[in-house]
Amino acid sequence: MALQFITLKPFFLSPVKKTPLHIQIGNSNASPIRTQLNSSAAESVPVSWEEQIPPNALRRKRDPSWRGGFSLGVDLGLSRTGLALSKGFSVRPLTVLELRGQKLELRLLDIAEQQEVDEFIIGLPKSSEGKETEQSNKVRSVAGRFAIRAAERGWRVYLQDEHGTSVEALDHMIAEGLSKSARQGRIDAYAAVKVLERYFSFSGQGTELVLPKPVELQNKLRSGPPKDVDFFPDE
């Protein structure tokens, strides 16, 4: 099933120009392709994807008191996947999964359900020069398949440059006084923490929204998951 990778631009509120939406399709090095959301949007004022379904980092920047969804950081590895969770202003390592393929995807969905997550921030490996690598393609493939499953539930999937996060994670663990054996078992989860911290520090700017092309899935993303009555008692 076809996908779109949309790089989120710098976030500032300014008058929207009456031109079609710029959507970047493919990898981050591809040239932007000018397209239209739909005929009615082209005739009126088009709205960017970050405005239609703003990432949690942007919502928090705009409204520090916002009490909405939670974010799951994902550090994909060849044999292990580290997870970190952001609730409110707290980012913490969650767990490390030794799963692959469909089993991994289903487990991520289960964890998201338990933790009331509504977006996934997946680390995208890049070189020190910002170039994509062979591993980048593998992560994009996994993220693309997973984004379809997530969109069925109204959950968003983003790609965040993760270059250097493993080194940052190791330094963090050493500073916390964790033993070498403890670091070996948890470094992937701490790397996911660094992915989330980077995502929030830039308010989501530069991340890529992994967008399924089917209109029905895009509409589910716009609607979002069912509202939590504890947070939204009047809805």
C-alpha atoms as a PDB file:
ATOM      1  CA  MET A   1       0.000   0.000   0.000  1.00  0.00           C
ATOM      2  CA  ALA A   2       1.393   3.382  -1.048  1.00  0.00           C
ATOM      3  CA  LEU A   3       2.639   5.896   1.505  1.00  0.00           C
ATOM      4  CA  GLN A   4       3.682   9.525   1.666  1.00  0.00           C
ATOM      5  CA  PHE A   5       6.554  10.838   3.799  1.00  0.00           C
ATOM      6  CA  ILE A   6       5.802  14.449   4.714  1.00  0.00           C
ATOM      7  CA  THR A   7       8.543  16.540   6.292  1.00  0.00           C
ATOM      8  CA  LEU A   8       7.065  18.944   8.825  1.00  0.00           C
ATOM      9  CA  LYS A   9       8.232  22.505   8.316  1.00  0.00           C
ATOM     10  CA  PRO A  10       9.134  25.188  10.901  1.00  0.00           C
ATOM     11  CA  PHE A  11       6.067  25.957  12.961  1.00  0.00           C
ATOM     12  CA  PHE A  12       4.845  29.524  13.050  1.00  0.00           C
ATOM     13  CA  LEU A  13       1.406  30.973  12.567  1.00  0.00           C
ATOM     14  CA  SER A  14       1.209  33.128   9.472  1.00  0.00           C
ATOM     15  CA  PRO A  15      -1.352  33.794   6.730  1.00  0.00           C
ATOM     16  CA  VAL A  16      -1.770  30.717   4.564  1.00  0.00           C
ATOM     17  CA  LYS A  17      -1.072  31.300   0.888  1.00  0.00           C
ATOM     18  CA  LYS A  18      -3.634  30.100  -1.617  1.00  0.00           C
ATOM     19  CA  THR A  19      -1.348  27.544  -3.221  1.00  0.00           C
ATOM     20  CA  PRO A  20      -1.510  23.748  -3.173  1.00  0.00           C
ATOM     21  CA  LEU A  21       0.057  21.916  -0.261  1.00  0.00           C
ATOM     22  CA  HIS A  22       3.722  20.940  -0.596  1.00  0.00           C
ATOM     23  CA  ILE A  23       4.083  17.242   0.167  1.00  0.00           C
ATOM     24  CA  GLN A  24       7.423  15.481   0.133  1.00  0.00           C
ATOM     25  CA  ILE A  25       6.974  11.977  -1.234  1.00  0.00           C
ATOM     26  CA  GLY A  26       9.663   9.336  -0.756  1.00  0.00           C
ATOM     27  CA  ASN A  27      12.833   9.931   1.234  1.00  0.00           C
ATOM     28  CA  SER A  28      13.964  13.209   2.736  1.00  0.00           C
ATOM     29  CA  ASN A  29      16.389  13.835  -0.157  1.00  0.00           C
ATOM     30  CA  ALA A  30      13.658  13.773  -2.801  1.00  0.00           C
ATOM     31  CA  SER A  31      12.429  16.953  -4.441  1.00  0.00           C
ATOM     32  CA  PRO A  32       9.096  18.228  -3.099  1.00  0.00           C
ATOM     33  CA  ILE A  33       6.113  17.401  -5.260  1.00  0.00           C
ATOM     34  CA  ARG A  34       3.247  19.872  -5.493  1.00  0.00           C
ATOM     35  CA  THR A  35      -0.100  18.183  -4.984  1.00  0.00           C
ATOM     36  CA  GLN A  36      -3.609  18.887  -3.699  1.00  0.00           C
ATOM     37  CA  LEU A  37      -5.475  17.496  -0.712  1.00  0.00           C
ATOM     38  CA  ASN A  38      -8.771  17.474  -2.604  1.00  0.00           C
ATOM     39  CA  SER A  39     -10.716  19.640  -5.024  1.00  0.00           C
ATOM     40  CA  SER A  40     -12.464  21.674  -2.332  1.00  0.00           C
ATOM     41  CA  ALA A  41      -9.170  22.386  -0.568  1.00  0.00           C
ATOM     42  CA  ALA A  42      -7.640  23.613  -3.818  1.00  0.00           C
ATOM     43  CA  GLU A  43     -10.551  25.954  -4.392  1.00  0.00           C
ATOM     44  CA  SER A  44     -10.369  27.398  -0.879  1.00  0.00           C
ATOM     45  CA  VAL A  45      -7.394  27.721   1.461  1.00  0.00           C
ATOM     46  CA  PRO A  46      -5.224  24.593   1.751  1.00  0.00           C
ATOM     47  CA  VAL A  47      -4.163  23.565   5.232  1.00  0.00           C
ATOM     48  CA  SER A  48      -0.810  21.916   5.944  1.00  0.00           C
ATOM     49  CA  TRP A  49      -0.699  18.494   7.530  1.00  0.00           C
ATOM     50  CA  GLU A  50       0.921  19.848  10.697  1.00  0.00           C
ATOM     51  CA  GLU A  51      -2.164  22.046  11.079  1.00  0.00           C
ATOM     52  CA  GLN A  52      -4.648  19.290  10.271  1.00  0.00           C
ATOM     53  CA  ILE A  53      -3.123  16.738  12.638  1.00  0.00           C
ATOM     54  CA  PRO A  54      -0.496  18.574  14.717  1.00  0.00           C
ATOM     55  CA  PRO A  55       2.088  16.413  16.486  1.00  0.00           C
ATOM     56  CA  ASN A  56       2.022  16.403  20.261  1.00  0.00           C
ATOM     57  CA  ALA A  57       5.273  18.376  20.387  1.00  0.00           C
ATOM     58  CA  LEU A  58       3.652  21.240  18.492  1.00  0.00           C
ATOM     59  CA  ARG A  59       0.508  21.152  20.637  1.00  0.00           C
ATOM     60  CA  ARG A  60       2.628  21.350  23.771  1.00  0.00           C
ATOM     61  CA  LYS A  61       4.581  24.308  22.379  1.00  0.00           C
ATOM     62  CA  ARG A  62       1.398  26.202  21.598  1.00  0.00           C
ATOM     63  CA  ASP A  63      -0.326  25.380  24.877  1.00  0.00           C
ATOM     64  CA  PRO A  64       1.880  24.331  27.829  1.00  0.00           C
ATOM     65  CA  SER A  65      -1.256  23.316  29.745  1.00  0.00           C
ATOM     66  CA  TRP A  66      -2.388  20.931  27.004  1.00  0.00           C
ATOM     67  CA  ARG A  67      -3.317  17.557  28.490  1.00  0.00           C
ATOM     68  CA  GLY A  68      -3.650  15.473  25.347  1.00  0.00           C
ATOM     69  CA  GLY A  69      -2.097  12.294  24.027  1.00  0.00           C
ATOM     70  CA  PHE A  70       1.135  10.566  24.910  1.00  0.00           C
ATOM     71  CA  SER A  71       4.113   9.751  22.689  1.00  0.00           C
ATOM     72  CA  LEU A  72       6.048   6.498  22.296  1.00  0.00           C
ATOM     73  CA  GLY A  73       9.677   6.751  21.200  1.00  0.00           C
ATOM     74  CA  VAL A  74      10.912   3.772  19.178  1.00  0.00           C
ATOM     75  CA  ASP A  75      14.556   2.861  18.550  1.00  0.00           C
ATOM     76  CA  LEU A  76      14.452   0.069  15.952  1.00  0.00           C
ATOM     77  CA  GLY A  77      17.386  -2.326  15.913  1.00  0.00           C
ATOM     78  CA  LEU A  78      18.310  -5.501  14.073  1.00  0.00           C
ATOM     79  CA  SER A  79      17.477  -7.694  17.069  1.00  0.00           C
ATOM     80  CA  ARG A  80      16.189  -5.351  19.786  1.00  0.00           C
ATOM     81  CA  THR A  81      13.803  -2.401  19.819  1.00  0.00           C
ATOM     82  CA  GLY A  82      13.991   0.164  22.599  1.00  0.00           C
ATOM     83  CA  LEU A  83      10.908   2.045  23.746  1.00  0.00           C
ATOM     84  CA  ALA A  84      10.486   5.252  25.724  1.00  0.00           C
ATOM     85  CA  LEU A  85       7.341   6.995  26.882  1.00  0.00           C
ATOM     86  CA  SER A  86       6.446  10.665  27.183  1.00  0.00           C
ATOM     87  CA  LYS A  87       3.544  11.607  29.424  1.00  0.00           C
ATOM     88  CA  GLY A  88       3.213  15.285  30.112  1.00  0.00           C
ATOM     89  CA  PHE A  89       6.726  16.682  30.517  1.00  0.00           C
ATOM     90  CA  SER A  90       8.204  13.379  31.681  1.00  0.00           C
ATOM     91  CA  VAL A  91      10.195  11.198  29.280  1.00  0.00           C
ATOM     92  CA  ARG A  92      11.313   7.840  30.615  1.00  0.00           C
ATOM     93  CA  PRO A  93      12.722   4.562  29.264  1.00  0.00           C
ATOM     94  CA  LEU A  94       9.994   1.959  29.034  1.00  0.00           C
ATOM     95  CA  THR A  95      11.252  -1.425  27.846  1.00  0.00           C
ATOM     96  CA  VAL A  96      13.310  -3.313  25.263  1.00  0.00           C
ATOM     97  CA  LEU A  97      11.592  -5.782  22.933  1.00  0.00           C
ATOM     98  CA  GLU A  98      13.353  -8.712  21.271  1.00  0.00           C
ATOM     99  CA  LEU A  99      10.780  -9.126  18.519  1.00  0.00           C
ATOM    100  CA  ARG A 100      10.695  -8.566  14.779  1.00  0.00           C
ATOM    101  CA  GLY A 101       8.173  -8.291  11.975  1.00  0.00           C
ATOM    102  CA  GLN A 102       4.484  -8.659  12.648  1.00  0.00           C
ATOM    103  CA  LYS A 103       5.013  -9.742  16.264  1.00  0.00           C
ATOM    104  CA  LEU A 104       6.860  -6.495  16.969  1.00  0.00           C
ATOM    105  CA  GLU A 105       4.180  -4.375  15.291  1.00  0.00           C
ATOM    106  CA  LEU A 106       1.363  -6.043  17.222  1.00  0.00           C
ATOM    107  CA  ARG A 107       3.261  -5.650  20.501  1.00  0.00           C
ATOM    108  CA  LEU A 108       3.787  -1.943  19.807  1.00  0.00           C
ATOM    109  CA  LEU A 109       0.055  -1.542  19.265  1.00  0.00           C
ATOM    110  CA  ASP A 110      -0.691  -3.356  22.525  1.00  0.00           C
ATOM    111  CA  ILE A 111       1.715  -1.132  24.466  1.00  0.00           C
ATOM    112  CA  ALA A 112       0.256   1.988  22.873  1.00  0.00           C
ATOM    113  CA  GLU A 113      -3.222   0.907  23.927  1.00  0.00           C
ATOM    114  CA  GLN A 114      -2.101   0.271  27.507  1.00  0.00           C
ATOM    115  CA  GLN A 115      -0.194   3.568  27.760  1.00  0.00           C
ATOM    116  CA  GLU A 116      -2.828   5.701  25.971  1.00  0.00           C
ATOM    117  CA  VAL A 117      -0.334   6.627  23.249  1.00  0.00           C
ATOM    118  CA  ASP A 118      -1.586   8.386  20.122  1.00  0.00           C
ATOM    119  CA  GLU A 119       1.679   8.864  18.220  1.00  0.00           C
ATOM    120  CA  PHE A 120       4.907   6.940  17.577  1.00  0.00           C
ATOM    121  CA  ILE A 121       8.255   8.698  17.100  1.00  0.00           C
ATOM    122  CA  ILE A 122      10.527   6.248  15.276  1.00  0.00           C
ATOM    123  CA  GLY A 123      14.249   6.977  15.070  1.00  0.00           C
ATOM    124  CA  LEU A 124      15.605   7.234  11.516  1.00  0.00           C
ATOM    125  CA  PRO A 125      19.310   6.346  11.185  1.00  0.00           C
ATOM    126  CA  LYS A 126      21.408   8.864   9.271  1.00  0.00           C
ATOM    127  CA  SER A 127      25.109   9.452   8.773  1.00  0.00           C
ATOM    128  CA  SER A 128      27.051  12.246  10.451  1.00  0.00           C
ATOM    129  CA  GLU A 129      26.574  14.254   7.225  1.00  0.00           C
ATOM    130  CA  GLY A 130      22.806  13.843   7.441  1.00  0.00           C
ATOM    131  CA  LYS A 131      22.701  11.313   4.597  1.00  0.00           C
ATOM    132  CA  GLU A 132      20.424   8.294   4.657  1.00  0.00           C
ATOM    133  CA  THR A 133      21.926   4.818   4.891  1.00  0.00           C
ATOM    134  CA  GLU A 134      20.962   1.247   4.045  1.00  0.00           C
ATOM    135  CA  GLN A 135      19.536   0.968   7.550  1.00  0.00           C
ATOM    136  CA  SER A 136      17.426   4.078   6.870  1.00  0.00           C
ATOM    137  CA  ASN A 137      15.646   2.210   4.070  1.00  0.00           C
ATOM    138  CA  LYS A 138      14.923  -0.727   6.378  1.00  0.00           C
ATOM    139  CA  VAL A 139      13.479   1.562   9.043  1.00  0.00           C
ATOM    140  CA  ARG A 140      11.341   3.352   6.446  1.00  0.00           C
ATOM    141  CA  SER A 141       9.982   0.006   5.291  1.00  0.00           C
ATOM    142  CA  VAL A 142       9.032  -1.046   8.825  1.00  0.00           C
ATOM    143  CA  ALA A 143       7.591   2.395   9.630  1.00  0.00           C
ATOM    144  CA  GLY A 144       5.535   2.341   6.452  1.00  0.00           C
ATOM    145  CA  ARG A 145       3.907  -1.004   7.226  1.00  0.00           C
ATOM    146  CA  PHE A 146       3.334  -0.032  10.829  1.00  0.00           C
ATOM    147  CA  ALA A 147       1.845   3.365   9.932  1.00  0.00           C
ATOM    148  CA  ILE A 148      -1.032   1.621   8.175  1.00  0.00           C
ATOM    149  CA  ARG A 149      -1.859  -0.423  11.283  1.00  0.00           C
ATOM    150  CA  ALA A 150      -1.538   2.658  13.483  1.00  0.00           C
ATOM    151  CA  ALA A 151      -3.705   4.838  11.222  1.00  0.00           C
ATOM    152  CA  GLU A 152      -6.540   2.315  11.512  1.00  0.00           C
ATOM    153  CA  ARG A 153      -6.686   3.345  15.180  1.00  0.00           C
ATOM    154  CA  GLY A 154      -6.235   7.062  14.523  1.00  0.00           C
ATOM    155  CA  TRP A 155      -2.594   6.980  15.694  1.00  0.00           C
ATOM    156  CA  ARG A 156       0.190   8.856  13.919  1.00  0.00           C
ATOM    157  CA  VAL A 157       3.687   7.660  13.006  1.00  0.00           C
ATOM    158  CA  TYR A 158       6.630  10.044  12.607  1.00  0.00           C
ATOM    159  CA  LEU A 159      10.283   9.568  11.665  1.00  0.00           C
ATOM    160  CA  GLN A 160      12.871  11.517  13.678  1.00  0.00           C
ATOM    161  CA  ASP A 161      16.587  11.756  12.834  1.00  0.00           C
ATOM    162  CA  GLU A 162      18.320   9.640  15.476  1.00  0.00           C
ATOM    163  CA  HIS A 163      21.966  10.261  14.575  1.00  0.00           C
ATOM    164  CA  GLY A 164      24.108  10.294  17.728  1.00  0.00           C
ATOM    165  CA  THR A 165      21.324   9.212  20.104  1.00  0.00           C
ATOM    166  CA  SER A 166      23.082   5.948  21.046  1.00  0.00           C
ATOM    167  CA  VAL A 167      26.165   7.887  22.190  1.00  0.00           C
ATOM    168  CA  GLU A 168      23.954  10.361  24.064  1.00  0.00           C
ATOM    169  CA  ALA A 169      22.138   7.448  25.691  1.00  0.00           C
ATOM    170  CA  LEU A 170      25.375   5.837  26.849  1.00  0.00           C
ATOM    171  CA  ASP A 171      26.622   9.110  28.338  1.00  0.00           C
ATOM    172  CA  HIS A 172      23.275   9.539  30.103  1.00  0.00           C
ATOM    173  CA  MET A 173      23.417   6.046  31.622  1.00  0.00           C
ATOM    174  CA  ILE A 174      26.997   6.500  32.779  1.00  0.00           C
ATOM    175  CA  ALA A 175      26.040   9.816  34.382  1.00  0.00           C
ATOM    176  CA  GLU A 176      23.210   8.031  36.208  1.00  0.00           C
ATOM    177  CA  GLY A 177      25.716   5.535  37.604  1.00  0.00           C
ATOM    178  CA  LEU A 178      24.308   2.451  35.887  1.00  0.00           C
ATOM    179  CA  SER A 179      26.625  -0.546  35.803  1.00  0.00           C
ATOM    180  CA  LYS A 180      28.010  -1.906  32.537  1.00  0.00           C
ATOM    181  CA  SER A 181      25.682  -4.918  32.641  1.00  0.00           C
ATOM    182  CA  ALA A 182      22.663  -2.693  33.294  1.00  0.00           C
ATOM    183  CA  ARG A 183      23.656  -0.415  30.428  1.00  0.00           C
ATOM    184  CA  GLN A 184      23.906  -3.315  27.992  1.00  0.00           C
ATOM    185  CA  GLY A 185      20.371  -4.422  28.732  1.00  0.00           C
ATOM    186  CA  ARG A 186      18.753  -0.971  28.610  1.00  0.00           C
ATOM    187  CA  ILE A 187      20.714   1.181  26.178  1.00  0.00           C
ATOM    188  CA  ASP A 188      18.114   0.732  23.419  1.00  0.00           C
ATOM    189  CA  ALA A 189      15.375   2.119  25.677  1.00  0.00           C
ATOM    190  CA  TYR A 190      17.575   5.082  26.628  1.00  0.00           C
ATOM    191  CA  ALA A 191      18.296   5.693  22.940  1.00  0.00           C
ATOM    192  CA  ALA A 192      14.521   5.901  22.453  1.00  0.00           C
ATOM    193  CA  VAL A 193      14.461   8.483  25.262  1.00  0.00           C
ATOM    194  CA  LYS A 194      16.955  10.596  23.318  1.00  0.00           C
ATOM    195  CA  VAL A 195      14.842  10.282  20.158  1.00  0.00           C
ATOM    196  CA  LEU A 196      11.835  11.625  22.064  1.00  0.00           C
ATOM    197  CA  GLU A 197      13.828  14.397  23.725  1.00  0.00           C
ATOM    198  CA  ARG A 198      15.115  15.556  20.347  1.00  0.00           C
ATOM    199  CA  TYR A 199      11.600  15.485  18.906  1.00  0.00           C
ATOM    200  CA  PHE A 200      10.236  17.658  21.733  1.00  0.00           C
ATOM    201  CA  SER A 201      13.228  19.998  21.838  1.00  0.00           C
ATOM    202  CA  PHE A 202      12.538  20.975  18.205  1.00  0.00           C
ATOM    203  CA  SER A 203       8.743  20.969  18.728  1.00  0.00           C
ATOM    204  CA  GLY A 204       8.418  18.308  16.040  1.00  0.00           C
ATOM    205  CA  GLN A 205      10.086  20.433  13.373  1.00  0.00           C
ATOM    206  CA  GLY A 206      11.905  18.349  10.754  1.00  0.00           C
ATOM    207  CA  THR A 207      10.160  15.088  11.609  1.00  0.00           C
ATOM    208  CA  GLU A 208       8.439  13.165   8.830  1.00  0.00           C
ATOM    209  CA  LEU A 209       4.813  12.165   9.022  1.00  0.00           C
ATOM    210  CA  VAL A 210       4.358   8.686   7.520  1.00  0.00           C
ATOM    211  CA  LEU A 211       1.013   9.103   5.803  1.00  0.00           C
ATOM    212  CA  PRO A 212      -0.951   6.216   4.232  1.00  0.00           C
ATOM    213  CA  LYS A 213      -2.454   7.285   0.918  1.00  0.00           C
ATOM    214  CA  PRO A 214      -5.963   5.775   1.341  1.00  0.00           C
ATOM    215  CA  VAL A 215      -8.362   8.615   2.089  1.00  0.00           C
ATOM    216  CA  GLU A 216     -10.217   6.607   4.733  1.00  0.00           C
ATOM    217  CA  LEU A 217      -7.006   6.193   6.746  1.00  0.00           C
ATOM    218  CA  GLN A 218      -6.149   9.875   6.370  1.00  0.00           C
ATOM    219  CA  ASN A 219      -9.612  10.735   7.676  1.00  0.00           C
ATOM    220  CA  LYS A 220      -9.025   8.490  10.699  1.00  0.00           C
ATOM    221  CA  LEU A 221      -5.818  10.388  11.408  1.00  0.00           C
ATOM    222  CA  ARG A 222      -7.668  13.686  11.188  1.00  0.00           C
ATOM    223  CA  SER A 223     -10.350  12.419  13.581  1.00  0.00           C
ATOM    224  CA  GLY A 224      -7.793  10.880  15.919  1.00  0.00           C
ATOM    225  CA  PRO A 225      -8.414   8.137  18.464  1.00  0.00           C
ATOM    226  CA  PRO A 226     -11.493   8.208  20.712  1.00  0.00           C
ATOM    227  CA  LYS A 227     -11.231  10.970  23.343  1.00  0.00           C
ATOM    228  CA  ASP A 228     -10.359   9.897  26.892  1.00  0.00           C
ATOM    229  CA  VAL A 229     -13.321  10.877  29.078  1.00  0.00           C
ATOM    230  CA  ASP A 230     -10.972  11.508  32.009  1.00  0.00           C
ATOM    231  CA  PHE A 231      -9.297  14.291  30.011  1.00  0.00           C
ATOM    232  CA  PHE A 232     -12.335  15.426  28.030  1.00  0.00           C
ATOM    233  CA  PRO A 233     -15.380  14.827  30.297  1.00  0.00           C
ATOM    234  CA  ASP A 234     -17.606  17.205  28.331  1.00  0.00           C
ATOM    235  CA  GLU A 235     -17.156  15.507  24.948  1.00  0.00           C
END
